[in-house]
C-alpha atoms as a PDB file:
ATOM      1  CA  MET A   1     -48.221  88.790  -8.608  1.00  0.00           C
ATOM      2  CA  SER A   2     -51.510  88.160 -10.364  1.00  0.00           C
ATOM      3  CA  TYR A   3     -51.957  87.425 -14.065  1.00  0.00           C
ATOM      4  CA  LEU A   4     -55.752  87.475 -13.962  1.00  0.00           C
ATOM      5  CA  GLN A   5     -57.427  89.196 -16.895  1.00  0.00           C
ATOM      6  CA  PRO A   6     -61.005  90.505 -16.707  1.00  0.00           C
ATOM      7  CA  GLU A   7     -61.698  90.421 -20.471  1.00  0.00           C
ATOM      8  CA  LEU A   8     -62.402  87.225 -22.371  1.00  0.00           C
ATOM      9  CA  PRO A   9     -60.106  86.363 -25.282  1.00  0.00           C
ATOM     10  CA  PRO A  10     -61.509  85.808 -28.774  1.00  0.00           C
ATOM     11  CA  ILE A  11     -62.037  82.109 -29.465  1.00  0.00           C
ATOM     12  CA  ALA A  12     -62.857  79.908 -32.454  1.00  0.00           C
ATOM     13  CA  LEU A  13     -64.659  76.588 -32.630  1.00  0.00           C
ATOM     14  CA  LEU A  14     -64.766  74.126 -35.476  1.00  0.00           C
ATOM     15  CA  ARG A  15     -68.302  73.828 -36.820  1.00  0.00           C
ATOM     16  CA  SER A  16     -68.324  70.056 -36.182  1.00  0.00           C
ATOM     17  CA  ASP A  17     -67.223  70.576 -32.545  1.00  0.00           C
ATOM     18  CA  ALA A  18     -69.641  73.469 -31.948  1.00  0.00           C
ATOM     19  CA  GLU A  19     -72.691  71.412 -32.939  1.00  0.00           C
ATOM     20  CA  LYS A  20     -71.762  68.504 -30.641  1.00  0.00           C
ATOM     21  CA  LEU A  21     -70.762  70.824 -27.806  1.00  0.00           C
ATOM     22  CA  ALA A  22     -74.023  72.775 -28.016  1.00  0.00           C
ATOM     23  CA  ARG A  23     -76.013  69.543 -27.618  1.00  0.00           C
ATOM     24  CA  LEU A  24     -73.766  68.471 -24.739  1.00  0.00           C
ATOM     25  CA  ALA A  25     -74.103  71.828 -22.942  1.00  0.00           C
ATOM     26  CA  ASP A  26     -77.885  71.794 -23.395  1.00  0.00           C
ATOM     27  CA  HIS A  27     -78.122  68.379 -21.726  1.00  0.00           C
ATOM     28  CA  ALA A  28     -75.663  69.040 -18.874  1.00  0.00           C
ATOM     29  CA  ARG A  29     -77.396  68.449 -15.562  1.00  0.00           C
ATOM     30  CA  GLY A  30     -76.517  67.931 -11.928  1.00  0.00           C
ATOM     31  CA  GLU A  31     -72.835  68.298 -11.104  1.00  0.00           C
ATOM     32  CA  PHE A  32     -72.026  69.405 -14.666  1.00  0.00           C
ATOM     33  CA  GLU A  33     -74.740  72.059 -14.962  1.00  0.00           C
ATOM     34  CA  ARG A  34     -72.437  74.978 -14.087  1.00  0.00           C
ATOM     35  CA  ALA A  35     -69.793  73.785 -16.562  1.00  0.00           C
ATOM     36  CA  GLY A  36     -72.549  73.308 -19.152  1.00  0.00           C
ATOM     37  CA  ASP A  37     -73.631  76.922 -18.653  1.00  0.00           C
ATOM     38  CA  PHE A  38     -70.006  78.078 -18.988  1.00  0.00           C
ATOM     39  CA  LEU A  39     -69.608  75.967 -22.133  1.00  0.00           C
ATOM     40  CA  SER A  40     -72.822  77.437 -23.602  1.00  0.00           C
ATOM     41  CA  ARG A  41     -71.506  80.958 -23.061  1.00  0.00           C
ATOM     42  CA  GLU A  42     -68.222  80.033 -24.725  1.00  0.00           C
ATOM     43  CA  ILE A  43     -70.056  78.586 -27.753  1.00  0.00           C
ATOM     44  CA  ASP A  44     -72.249  81.694 -28.015  1.00  0.00           C
ATOM     45  CA  ARG A  45     -69.257  84.045 -28.158  1.00  0.00           C
ATOM     46  CA  ALA A  46     -67.051  81.865 -30.392  1.00  0.00           C
ATOM     47  CA  ASP A  47     -66.241  82.494 -34.037  1.00  0.00           C
ATOM     48  CA  ILE A  48     -67.528  79.287 -35.689  1.00  0.00           C
ATOM     49  CA  ILE A  49     -65.209  78.176 -38.480  1.00  0.00           C
ATOM     50  CA  ASP A  50     -65.409  75.349 -40.991  1.00  0.00           C
ATOM     51  CA  ASP A  51     -63.221  72.361 -40.193  1.00  0.00           C
ATOM     52  CA  PHE A  52     -60.954  73.024 -43.179  1.00  0.00           C
ATOM     53  CA  GLN A  53     -60.163  76.477 -41.707  1.00  0.00           C
ATOM     54  CA  ARG A  54     -58.541  74.961 -38.604  1.00  0.00           C
ATOM     55  CA  LEU A  55     -55.522  76.976 -37.601  1.00  0.00           C
ATOM     56  CA  PRO A  56     -52.402  75.505 -35.978  1.00  0.00           C
ATOM     57  CA  GLY A  57     -52.454  76.007 -32.236  1.00  0.00           C
ATOM     58  CA  LEU A  58     -56.266  76.012 -31.895  1.00  0.00           C
ATOM     59  CA  VAL A  59     -57.682  73.912 -29.034  1.00  0.00           C
ATOM     60  CA  THR A  60     -60.309  71.576 -30.484  1.00  0.00           C
ATOM     61  CA  MET A  61     -61.867  68.372 -29.213  1.00  0.00           C
ATOM     62  CA  GLY A  62     -59.163  65.701 -29.090  1.00  0.00           C
ATOM     63  CA  SER A  63     -56.334  68.238 -28.844  1.00  0.00           C
ATOM     64  CA  ARG A  64     -53.410  67.587 -26.531  1.00  0.00           C
ATOM     65  CA  VAL A  65     -52.959  70.873 -24.682  1.00  0.00           C
ATOM     66  CA  THR A  66     -50.167  72.113 -22.449  1.00  0.00           C
ATOM     67  CA  PHE A  67     -51.300  74.990 -20.265  1.00  0.00           C
ATOM     68  CA  ARG A  68     -50.132  76.971 -17.248  1.00  0.00           C
ATOM     69  CA  ASP A  69     -52.334  77.667 -14.245  1.00  0.00           C
ATOM     70  CA  ASP A  70     -51.622  81.383 -13.893  1.00  0.00           C
ATOM     71  CA  VAL A  71     -52.441  81.382 -10.170  1.00  0.00           C
ATOM     72  CA  THR A  72     -50.163  78.480  -9.135  1.00  0.00           C
ATOM     73  CA  SER A  73     -47.741  78.510 -12.130  1.00  0.00           C
ATOM     74  CA  GLN A  74     -48.283  74.736 -12.433  1.00  0.00           C
ATOM     75  CA  VAL A  75     -47.936  73.428 -16.015  1.00  0.00           C
ATOM     76  CA  ARG A  76     -50.137  70.513 -17.115  1.00  0.00           C
ATOM     77  CA  THR A  77     -50.633  68.593 -20.346  1.00  0.00           C
ATOM     78  CA  VAL A  78     -54.084  67.135 -20.993  1.00  0.00           C
ATOM     79  CA  THR A  79     -56.156  65.795 -23.858  1.00  0.00           C
ATOM     80  CA  LEU A  80     -59.553  67.471 -24.227  1.00  0.00           C
ATOM     81  CA  VAL A  81     -62.322  64.876 -24.659  1.00  0.00           C
ATOM     82  CA  PHE A  82     -66.069  64.356 -24.415  1.00  0.00           C
ATOM     83  CA  PRO A  83     -67.309  63.254 -20.959  1.00  0.00           C
ATOM     84  CA  ASP A  84     -67.596  59.547 -21.813  1.00  0.00           C
ATOM     85  CA  GLU A  85     -63.880  59.456 -22.760  1.00  0.00           C
ATOM     86  CA  ALA A  86     -62.596  61.286 -19.666  1.00  0.00           C
ATOM     87  CA  ASP A  87     -59.856  59.477 -17.729  1.00  0.00           C
ATOM     88  CA  LEU A  88     -57.765  61.505 -15.302  1.00  0.00           C
ATOM     89  CA  ALA A  89     -55.208  58.675 -15.020  1.00  0.00           C
ATOM     90  CA  GLN A  90     -54.489  59.199 -18.740  1.00  0.00           C
ATOM     91  CA  SER A  91     -54.746  63.022 -18.477  1.00  0.00           C
ATOM     92  CA  LYS A  92     -57.933  63.037 -20.553  1.00  0.00           C
ATOM     93  CA  ILE A  93     -60.191  65.785 -19.222  1.00  0.00           C
ATOM     94  CA  SER A  94     -63.808  66.367 -20.094  1.00  0.00           C
ATOM     95  CA  VAL A  95     -64.918  69.513 -21.862  1.00  0.00           C
ATOM     96  CA  LEU A  96     -67.646  69.571 -19.191  1.00  0.00           C
ATOM     97  CA  THR A  97     -65.146  70.436 -16.467  1.00  0.00           C
ATOM     98  CA  PRO A  98     -64.333  74.086 -15.753  1.00  0.00           C
ATOM     99  CA  ILE A  99     -60.803  73.685 -17.161  1.00  0.00           C
ATOM    100  CA  GLY A 100     -62.066  71.795 -20.229  1.00  0.00           C
ATOM    101  CA  ALA A 101     -64.723  74.415 -20.968  1.00  0.00           C
ATOM    102  CA  ALA A 102     -62.140  77.167 -20.490  1.00  0.00           C
ATOM    103  CA  LEU A 103     -59.639  75.545 -22.880  1.00  0.00           C
ATOM    104  CA  ILE A 104     -61.937  74.861 -25.841  1.00  0.00           C
ATOM    105  CA  GLY A 105     -61.486  77.402 -28.623  1.00  0.00           C
ATOM    106  CA  LEU A 106     -58.378  79.066 -27.201  1.00  0.00           C
ATOM    107  CA  SER A 107     -55.138  79.298 -29.165  1.00  0.00           C
ATOM    108  CA  VAL A 108     -51.502  79.193 -28.111  1.00  0.00           C
ATOM    109  CA  ASN A 109     -50.517  82.143 -25.874  1.00  0.00           C
ATOM    110  CA  GLN A 110     -54.133  83.031 -25.051  1.00  0.00           C
ATOM    111  CA  SER A 111     -55.278  83.280 -21.432  1.00  0.00           C
ATOM    112  CA  ILE A 112     -58.721  83.075 -19.874  1.00  0.00           C
ATOM    113  CA  GLU A 113     -60.024  83.800 -16.388  1.00  0.00           C
ATOM    114  CA  TRP A 114     -63.169  82.438 -14.750  1.00  0.00           C
ATOM    115  CA  GLU A 115     -64.851  82.287 -11.375  1.00  0.00           C
ATOM    116  CA  THR A 116     -64.807  79.040  -9.416  1.00  0.00           C
ATOM    117  CA  VAL A 117     -67.820  77.534  -7.652  1.00  0.00           C
ATOM    118  CA  SER A 118     -66.444  78.855  -4.348  1.00  0.00           C
ATOM    119  CA  GLY A 119     -66.188  82.399  -5.742  1.00  0.00           C
ATOM    120  CA  GLY A 120     -62.429  82.358  -6.301  1.00  0.00           C
ATOM    121  CA  ARG A 121     -60.713  83.155  -9.568  1.00  0.00           C
ATOM    122  CA  ARG A 122     -58.814  80.806 -11.892  1.00  0.00           C
ATOM    123  CA  SER A 123     -56.757  81.725 -14.906  1.00  0.00           C
ATOM    124  CA  LEU A 124     -54.871  79.623 -17.417  1.00  0.00           C
ATOM    125  CA  THR A 125     -52.663  80.241 -20.442  1.00  0.00           C
ATOM    126  CA  VAL A 126     -52.319  77.827 -23.378  1.00  0.00           C
ATOM    127  CA  LEU A 127     -48.644  77.045 -24.010  1.00  0.00           C
ATOM    128  CA  SER A 128     -48.881  74.482 -26.838  1.00  0.00           C
ATOM    129  CA  VAL A 129     -51.456  72.450 -28.767  1.00  0.00           C
ATOM    130  CA  ASP A 130     -51.103  69.193 -30.670  1.00  0.00           C
ATOM    131  CA  SER A 131     -54.157  68.192 -32.717  1.00  0.00           C
ATOM    132  CA  MET A 132     -54.763  64.494 -32.281  1.00  0.00           C
ATOM    133  CA  ASN A 133     -57.683  64.228 -34.718  1.00  0.00           C
END
């Protein structure tokens, strides 16, 4: 059974995150260029909100996120960080990875689908979010 959804969910970014992420996406090169392009598209379609408007359950930079891979049903908990803070051993994933770029701006119970480098499809659903910042 497939849970893949063709439409993109509405997302929101904190103004302070959006500005930093836009600079990061603009400077993504080499192995991160595709993720940078994906991140740029996500920023372009996001509703930019002021930091004081942060809603519970919104994935922001520094959030601890539990999500389900809708293809494999695997559940993972990660902290979303900037590339220089990434550490897979501590479950800190960069926003410049496909999963990181997909998570940013989603809220609890939202799902997103994207195409992998190899042309396959991935989909994930946010199960819970703890803001760490």
